[in-house]
Amino acid sequence: MAITNTIIDRSKFGDKEVVWGKSVISGGTNTGDVATGLAYVEMFIPTTAGSAQKGIAVNETLPLSSGDVTIVMESNDGTAYWFAIGH
C-alpha cells in the first residue's frame, strides 16, 4: 500500500482549523491513511477524482484524536480530494 498526501491549503473558520488536500493511493490497493496535519479531526469530507472511481468512504469514527483518517475507495489505485475540520 502506498498513499501520497498533499495539503493544498489551510485556513480558519472561527476557532476551527480547516485543511484541504489531495491523496493518491497506488500499489494495487484501495485504502490508506490521509495525513491531514490536524491533531484532532472533527469532520472529514472526501471525494473521488476521475471517472474510474465509483465511491469513497471514511473508515473511522469521528471525532478522531489524531490527524490521520483512513479512507476506503471502491476501486484500486485512485485519487481523492478531501476537506478536514478540527484543531
Protein backbone atom coordinates (compact mmCIF):
# COMPACT_ATOMS: atom_id res chain seq x y z
CA MET A 1 0.00 0.00 0.00
CA ALA A 2 1.25 3.43 -0.89
CA ILE A 3 -0.51 6.71 -0.33
CA THR A 4 0.82 10.16 -1.14
CA ASN A 5 -0.81 13.06 0.69
CA THR A 6 -0.55 16.70 -0.35
CA ILE A 7 -2.02 19.53 1.71
CA ILE A 8 -3.26 22.09 -0.79
CA ASP A 9 -4.13 24.86 1.69
CA ARG A 10 -5.38 25.62 5.18
CA SER A 11 -7.50 28.32 6.78
CA LYS A 12 -9.52 29.16 9.91
CA PHE A 13 -13.29 29.06 10.49
CA GLY A 14 -13.76 30.83 13.79
CA ASP A 15 -11.85 28.74 16.33
CA LYS A 16 -11.55 25.72 13.97
CA GLU A 17 -8.71 24.90 11.63
CA VAL A 18 -9.63 23.81 8.09
CA VAL A 19 -7.30 21.84 5.83
CA TRP A 20 -7.89 20.54 2.31
CA GLY A 21 -5.76 18.40 0.09
CA LYS A 22 -5.23 15.56 -2.35
CA SER A 23 -4.35 11.92 -1.70
CA VAL A 24 -3.22 9.39 -4.31
CA ILE A 25 -3.45 5.68 -3.46
CA SER A 26 -1.32 3.29 -5.52
CA GLY A 27 0.20 -0.17 -5.35
CA GLY A 28 -2.94 -2.15 -6.16
CA THR A 29 -4.85 -1.23 -3.02
CA ASN A 30 -7.97 0.79 -2.24
CA THR A 31 -7.27 2.06 1.29
CA GLY A 32 -4.85 4.40 3.02
CA ASP A 33 -4.35 6.93 5.81
CA VAL A 34 -4.79 10.58 4.91
CA ALA A 35 -2.40 12.79 6.90
CA THR A 36 -4.46 15.95 7.47
CA GLY A 37 -1.90 17.84 9.55
CA LEU A 38 -4.50 18.31 12.30
CA ALA A 39 -4.14 17.00 15.85
CA TYR A 40 -7.90 16.40 16.24
CA VAL A 41 -10.29 15.78 13.31
CA GLU A 42 -13.97 16.63 13.85
CA MET A 43 -15.18 16.44 10.24
CA PHE A 44 -13.70 14.84 7.13
CA ILE A 45 -15.26 15.07 3.66
CA PRO A 46 -13.64 13.02 0.87
CA THR A 47 -14.50 12.92 -2.83
CA THR A 48 -13.00 10.89 -5.66
CA ALA A 49 -11.38 12.25 -8.80
CA GLY A 50 -11.64 10.73 -12.25
CA SER A 51 -14.29 8.69 -14.00
CA ALA A 52 -12.82 5.31 -12.91
CA GLN A 53 -13.60 5.97 -9.24
CA LYS A 54 -17.05 4.93 -8.04
CA GLY A 55 -17.13 5.83 -4.36
CA ILE A 56 -15.17 6.60 -1.24
CA ALA A 57 -15.81 6.25 2.49
CA VAL A 58 -14.19 7.22 5.77
CA ASN A 59 -13.22 4.10 7.73
CA GLU A 60 -13.07 5.88 11.12
CA THR A 61 -15.40 7.06 13.86
CA LEU A 62 -15.26 10.83 14.17
CA PRO A 63 -14.23 12.86 16.08
CA LEU A 64 -10.73 11.42 15.84
CA SER A 65 -7.95 12.26 18.28
CA SER A 66 -5.27 12.01 15.62
CA GLY A 67 -4.73 13.72 12.30
CA ASP A 68 -4.68 10.54 10.19
CA VAL A 69 -8.00 9.48 8.67
CA THR A 70 -8.36 6.09 6.94
CA ILE A 71 -10.24 6.17 3.65
CA VAL A 72 -11.50 3.28 1.51
CA MET A 73 -12.27 3.55 -2.22
CA GLU A 74 -14.48 1.21 -4.27
CA SER A 75 -11.68 0.63 -6.79
CA ASN A 76 -7.89 0.32 -6.51
CA ASP A 77 -5.30 2.99 -7.26
CA GLY A 78 -7.33 6.17 -7.05
CA THR A 79 -7.16 9.87 -6.29
CA ALA A 80 -9.17 11.64 -3.62
CA TYR A 81 -9.65 15.27 -2.71
CA TRP A 82 -10.64 15.96 0.88
CA PHE A 83 -11.63 18.66 3.36
CA ALA A 84 -10.96 18.32 7.11
CA ILE A 85 -12.07 20.44 10.08
CA GLY A 86 -10.60 20.25 13.55
CA HIS A 87 -7.71 21.71 15.51
